[in-house]
Amino acid sequence: MCKKADQKFSVQTFDQQLYAIAQQIKWANPLEFPDHIIRLGGFHALSCFIASVGKLWGDGGLTDLFVGSGVYAAGTVDQMLSGKQFNRSVRGLTLVYEATMSLWLSSFFDWCGSNGHLGNIPDEFWDSLQTCYSSFSDDPPSFNLNITKFGSLFETYQSPLLEDFKNWGKKSVYKLLKTSSEDLSDLMQLAQSDLDVSISASRKRVARLYDPKGKYKSCQNNLNKLRVRLPTSKNSDLVRLPPSEASFKQHVLRACIQVKLWMTSHEAKPHIGSPYDFG
């Protein structure tokens, strides 16, 4: 059919189970099916996307956020982050996004107030924001016009401040990278380096983030010692404590296997090693 339509490639769409079988057949016979493009259906593609979110962020606090907030039970969260309960997953991730954005915007406006930037935002901006909010529920036909006007004002007055806010949040990291860029060589090879080398390089980076002036350089080779020394310093902040040595190693191991997965995602049968060796 494709040849009759003068079409070089044949595109087939399957659901998840048949897609897995078809992809295995294509990988096993690459010369026989070189022009076949196999795609997942829209629903299963979104389910796999949700599962990838769960794979990346489930152990990074997303699971604890769902369960600790009391919104979902632990068993339900495991199903959600594996892409099986689609509707609950979409609702749960939407709630997380809205809560995160609310906290982020709250921090942004606090930063604007403490740095005297709120006075530079004209009343026209706030009036337009209020109009968009009112028209969304009371006058839907005019909402598109109002949101277009608000978008223009946002680009003019808020976008530059948002860039400054992002750079302010990363200031300490940028400063550290600028002063010790040579230490990044091992981290740039996280997927290929020996695990001990990766852990040592990551420990050095994390220790310098928490002790940027190097007051406790003798403790930087052991984060547990650094955790003890930092609270005893003058003007110490107990909120800013480095992770424990055991927790830190687990995070680095998980980062290593994640980088390996990304770097070998183009291979049909990548050799990564046992997950049990990576935390």
Protein backbone atom coordinates (compact mmCIF):
# COMPACT_ATOMS: atom_id res chain seq x y z
CA MET A 1 0.00 0.00 0.00
CA CYS A 2 2.82 2.41 0.87
CA LYS A 3 4.60 1.72 -2.40
CA LYS A 4 1.41 2.33 -4.36
CA ALA A 5 0.98 5.65 -2.55
CA ASP A 6 4.62 6.48 -3.30
CA GLN A 7 5.30 6.57 0.42
CA LYS A 8 8.68 5.32 1.62
CA PHE A 9 7.84 4.62 5.25
CA SER A 10 4.99 2.59 6.72
CA VAL A 11 3.66 3.90 10.05
CA GLN A 12 1.80 1.50 12.32
CA THR A 13 0.16 2.38 15.64
CA PHE A 14 -0.38 -0.25 18.34
CA ASP A 15 -1.51 -0.38 21.92
CA GLN A 16 1.11 -1.10 24.55
CA GLN A 17 1.13 -4.91 24.46
CA LEU A 18 1.22 -5.24 20.69
CA TYR A 19 3.71 -2.38 20.44
CA ALA A 20 6.17 -4.27 22.65
CA ILE A 21 5.83 -7.42 20.50
CA ALA A 22 6.13 -5.50 17.21
CA GLN A 23 9.20 -3.62 18.42
CA GLN A 24 10.90 -6.86 19.45
CA ILE A 25 10.21 -8.33 15.99
CA LYS A 26 11.62 -5.23 14.29
CA TRP A 27 14.77 -5.27 16.45
CA ALA A 28 15.28 -8.98 15.72
CA ASN A 29 14.85 -8.44 11.95
CA PRO A 30 16.27 -4.99 11.14
CA LEU A 31 16.96 -5.79 7.46
CA GLU A 32 13.44 -7.09 6.83
CA PHE A 33 11.61 -4.10 8.36
CA PRO A 34 13.86 -1.08 7.72
CA ASP A 35 11.03 1.21 6.58
CA HIS A 36 8.49 0.39 9.28
CA ILE A 37 7.87 3.05 11.93
CA ILE A 38 6.11 1.66 15.00
CA ARG A 39 4.26 4.07 17.28
CA LEU A 40 2.34 3.82 20.53
CA GLY A 41 -1.24 5.00 20.61
CA GLY A 42 -1.93 8.36 22.24
CA PHE A 43 -3.32 6.95 25.49
CA HIS A 44 -0.49 4.49 26.03
CA ALA A 45 2.10 7.11 25.07
CA LEU A 46 0.75 9.36 27.84
CA SER A 47 0.72 6.43 30.26
CA CYS A 48 4.38 5.74 29.49
CA PHE A 49 5.13 9.43 29.97
CA ILE A 50 3.51 9.36 33.42
CA ALA A 51 5.47 6.21 34.24
CA SER A 52 8.69 7.97 33.24
CA VAL A 53 7.80 10.84 35.60
CA GLY A 54 7.31 8.31 38.37
CA LYS A 55 10.61 6.63 37.50
CA LEU A 56 12.50 9.94 37.63
CA TRP A 57 10.85 11.62 40.60
CA GLY A 58 9.10 8.86 42.57
CA ASP A 59 12.06 8.25 44.88
CA GLY A 60 12.99 11.94 44.78
CA GLY A 61 10.11 12.96 47.04
CA LEU A 62 7.07 12.71 44.76
CA THR A 63 5.81 9.51 46.41
CA ASP A 64 6.30 10.98 49.90
CA LEU A 65 4.47 14.14 48.81
CA PHE A 66 1.41 12.20 47.62
CA VAL A 67 1.28 9.93 50.68
CA GLY A 68 2.37 12.47 53.31
CA SER A 69 -0.26 14.98 52.21
CA GLY A 70 -2.98 12.41 52.82
CA VAL A 71 -4.42 12.80 49.32
CA TYR A 72 -3.60 9.26 48.17
CA ALA A 73 -2.78 5.97 49.87
CA ALA A 74 0.63 4.36 49.39
CA GLY A 75 -0.68 1.49 47.25
CA THR A 76 -2.59 3.89 45.02
CA VAL A 77 0.51 6.06 44.52
CA ASP A 78 2.55 3.05 43.39
CA GLN A 79 -0.09 2.32 40.76
CA MET A 80 -0.32 5.97 39.71
CA LEU A 81 3.41 6.45 39.20
CA SER A 82 3.66 3.26 37.17
CA GLY A 83 1.19 4.70 34.65
CA LYS A 84 -1.68 2.35 35.42
CA GLN A 85 -4.31 4.62 37.03
CA PHE A 86 -4.42 7.27 34.34
CA ASN A 87 -7.13 9.62 35.63
CA ARG A 88 -5.81 9.69 39.18
CA SER A 89 -2.27 10.19 37.87
CA VAL A 90 -3.27 13.21 35.79
CA ARG A 91 -5.20 14.74 38.68
CA GLY A 92 -2.41 14.05 41.18
CA LEU A 93 0.35 15.48 38.98
CA THR A 94 -1.84 18.51 38.26
CA LEU A 95 -2.25 19.11 42.00
CA VAL A 96 1.52 18.83 42.51
CA TYR A 97 2.14 21.28 39.68
CA GLU A 98 -0.35 23.81 41.03
CA ALA A 99 1.01 23.53 44.59
CA THR A 100 4.61 23.87 43.39
CA MET A 101 3.80 26.87 41.20
CA SER A 102 1.92 28.50 44.08
CA LEU A 103 4.98 28.15 46.34
CA TRP A 104 7.28 29.33 43.57
CA LEU A 105 5.19 32.44 42.82
CA SER A 106 4.89 33.20 46.53
CA SER A 107 8.70 33.08 46.84
CA PHE A 108 9.03 35.20 43.71
CA PHE A 109 6.82 38.00 45.03
CA ASP A 110 8.53 37.84 48.44
CA TRP A 111 11.83 38.30 46.60
CA CYS A 112 10.36 41.20 44.62
CA GLY A 113 9.19 42.87 47.83
CA SER A 114 12.49 42.43 49.65
CA ASN A 115 14.45 43.83 46.70
CA GLY A 116 12.11 46.77 45.98
CA HIS A 117 10.88 45.51 42.61
CA LEU A 118 7.13 45.61 43.32
CA GLY A 119 7.07 49.39 42.91
CA ASN A 120 8.32 49.01 39.33
CA ILE A 121 5.25 47.00 38.32
CA PRO A 122 2.50 49.41 37.14
CA ASP A 123 -1.11 49.21 38.31
CA GLU A 124 -2.10 48.33 34.74
CA PHE A 125 -0.52 44.91 35.20
CA TRP A 126 -2.51 44.09 38.35
CA ASP A 127 -5.74 45.46 36.82
CA SER A 128 -5.25 43.24 33.77
CA LEU A 129 -4.63 40.22 36.00
CA GLN A 130 -7.85 40.90 37.93
CA THR A 131 -9.76 41.30 34.65
CA CYS A 132 -8.51 37.93 33.40
CA TYR A 133 -9.53 36.28 36.64
CA SER A 134 -13.04 37.79 36.50
CA SER A 135 -13.63 37.11 32.81
CA PHE A 136 -12.58 33.46 33.13
CA SER A 137 -15.74 32.67 35.12
CA ASP A 138 -18.08 35.56 34.33
CA ASP A 139 -17.36 36.38 30.67
CA PRO A 140 -15.63 33.48 28.88
CA PRO A 141 -15.88 35.00 25.34
CA SER A 142 -13.73 37.99 26.34
CA PHE A 143 -11.19 35.87 28.21
CA ASN A 144 -8.99 35.27 25.14
CA LEU A 145 -8.69 38.99 24.47
CA ASN A 146 -7.92 39.75 28.10
CA ILE A 147 -5.32 37.01 28.40
CA THR A 148 -3.59 38.26 25.24
CA LYS A 149 -3.30 41.74 26.72
CA PHE A 150 -2.10 40.33 30.03
CA GLY A 151 0.52 38.22 28.24
CA SER A 152 1.92 41.32 26.59
CA LEU A 153 2.15 43.13 29.93
CA PHE A 154 3.70 40.05 31.54
CA GLU A 155 6.46 39.91 28.91
CA THR A 156 7.19 43.58 29.43
CA TYR A 157 7.26 43.83 33.22
CA GLN A 158 7.53 40.33 34.72
CA SER A 159 9.75 38.28 32.41
CA PRO A 160 12.93 40.27 33.20
CA LEU A 161 12.23 39.94 36.92
CA LEU A 162 11.66 36.20 36.59
CA GLU A 163 15.04 35.79 34.91
CA ASP A 164 16.70 37.74 37.70
CA PHE A 165 14.88 35.60 40.27
CA LYS A 166 16.05 32.35 38.62
CA ASN A 167 19.62 33.59 38.49
CA TRP A 168 19.42 34.68 42.12
CA GLY A 169 18.33 31.20 43.15
CA LYS A 170 21.27 29.63 41.32
CA LYS A 171 23.80 32.26 42.33
CA SER A 172 25.70 30.10 44.82
CA VAL A 173 25.92 27.19 42.37
CA TYR A 174 27.09 29.42 39.51
CA LYS A 175 29.68 31.03 41.73
CA LEU A 176 31.01 27.65 42.77
CA LEU A 177 31.17 26.44 39.17
CA LYS A 178 33.01 29.57 38.16
CA THR A 179 35.66 29.26 40.86
CA SER A 180 36.22 25.49 40.58
CA SER A 181 35.28 24.44 37.07
CA GLU A 182 38.15 21.93 36.98
CA ASP A 183 36.32 19.74 39.52
CA LEU A 184 33.55 19.07 37.02
CA SER A 185 35.62 16.72 34.86
CA ASP A 186 34.66 13.62 36.88
CA LEU A 187 31.01 14.64 37.15
CA MET A 188 30.79 15.11 33.38
CA GLN A 189 31.69 11.41 33.02
CA LEU A 190 29.17 10.21 35.59
CA ALA A 191 27.95 7.39 33.35
CA GLN A 192 31.42 6.10 32.47
CA SER A 193 33.41 6.80 35.66
CA ASP A 194 34.07 4.28 38.39
CA LEU A 195 31.45 4.47 41.16
CA ASP A 196 34.04 5.41 43.80
CA VAL A 197 35.29 8.25 41.57
CA SER A 198 31.73 9.50 40.99
CA ILE A 199 30.92 9.42 44.71
CA SER A 200 34.15 11.21 45.62
CA ALA A 201 33.65 13.94 42.99
CA SER A 202 30.01 14.43 43.99
CA ARG A 203 30.92 14.58 47.69
CA LYS A 204 33.48 17.29 47.00
CA ARG A 205 30.88 19.33 45.10
CA VAL A 206 28.16 18.96 47.75
CA ALA A 207 30.59 19.76 50.60
CA ARG A 208 31.68 22.97 48.88
CA LEU A 209 28.05 24.00 48.41
CA TYR A 210 27.44 23.78 52.16
CA ASP A 211 30.87 25.09 53.14
CA PRO A 212 31.67 27.57 50.34
CA LYS A 213 34.39 29.41 52.31
CA GLY A 214 36.20 26.19 53.16
CA LYS A 215 36.19 26.78 56.93
CA TYR A 216 35.94 23.04 57.57
CA LYS A 217 37.99 21.69 54.67
CA SER A 218 39.23 18.81 56.82
CA CYS A 219 35.62 17.59 57.14
CA GLN A 220 34.75 17.80 53.45
CA ASN A 221 35.79 14.20 52.83
CA ASN A 222 33.05 12.99 55.18
CA LEU A 223 29.59 14.61 55.14
CA ASN A 224 28.72 13.17 58.56
CA LYS A 225 31.59 15.15 60.11
CA LEU A 226 30.49 18.24 58.20
CA ARG A 227 26.95 17.81 59.55
CA VAL A 228 28.39 17.93 63.08
CA ARG A 229 30.68 20.91 62.55
CA LEU A 230 28.35 23.25 60.64
CA PRO A 231 25.70 23.66 63.40
CA THR A 232 28.44 24.62 65.88
CA SER A 233 29.63 27.56 63.75
CA LYS A 234 28.56 31.14 64.37
CA ASN A 235 25.28 32.22 62.76
CA SER A 236 24.60 28.63 61.72
CA ASP A 237 21.30 27.68 60.10
CA LEU A 238 20.04 24.24 61.08
CA VAL A 239 17.83 24.19 57.97
CA ARG A 240 20.91 24.15 55.73
CA LEU A 241 22.55 20.89 56.74
CA PRO A 242 24.18 18.55 54.20
CA PRO A 243 22.76 15.04 53.75
CA SER A 244 24.14 12.16 55.74
CA GLU A 245 26.90 10.08 54.16
CA ALA A 246 24.61 7.06 53.66
CA SER A 247 21.79 9.08 52.12
CA PHE A 248 24.22 10.97 49.90
CA LYS A 249 25.74 7.75 48.51
CA GLN A 250 22.31 6.38 47.65
CA HIS A 251 21.43 9.56 45.76
CA VAL A 252 24.70 9.46 43.80
CA LEU A 253 24.22 5.80 42.90
CA ARG A 254 20.71 6.51 41.65
CA ALA A 255 22.01 9.48 39.66
CA CYS A 256 24.66 7.23 38.10
CA ILE A 257 22.17 4.62 36.91
CA GLN A 258 19.82 7.34 35.67
CA VAL A 259 22.60 8.87 33.57
CA LYS A 260 23.48 5.42 32.25
CA LEU A 261 19.85 4.91 31.22
CA TRP A 262 19.77 8.25 29.43
CA MET A 263 23.09 7.72 27.67
CA THR A 264 22.08 4.26 26.40
CA SER A 265 18.43 5.01 25.60
CA HIS A 266 19.18 4.63 21.86
CA GLU A 267 20.40 1.05 22.30
CA ALA A 268 18.01 -1.88 21.96
CA LYS A 269 19.69 -3.98 24.69
CA PRO A 270 21.89 -1.70 26.79
CA HIS A 271 24.25 -3.19 29.36
CA ILE A 272 23.67 -1.18 32.51
CA GLY A 273 24.16 -3.62 35.34
CA SER A 274 21.97 -4.68 38.21
CA PRO A 275 19.81 -1.95 39.82
CA TYR A 276 20.72 -3.47 43.20
CA ASP A 277 24.25 -2.12 42.69
CA PHE A 278 22.94 1.43 42.25
CA GLY A 279 20.95 2.09 45.39
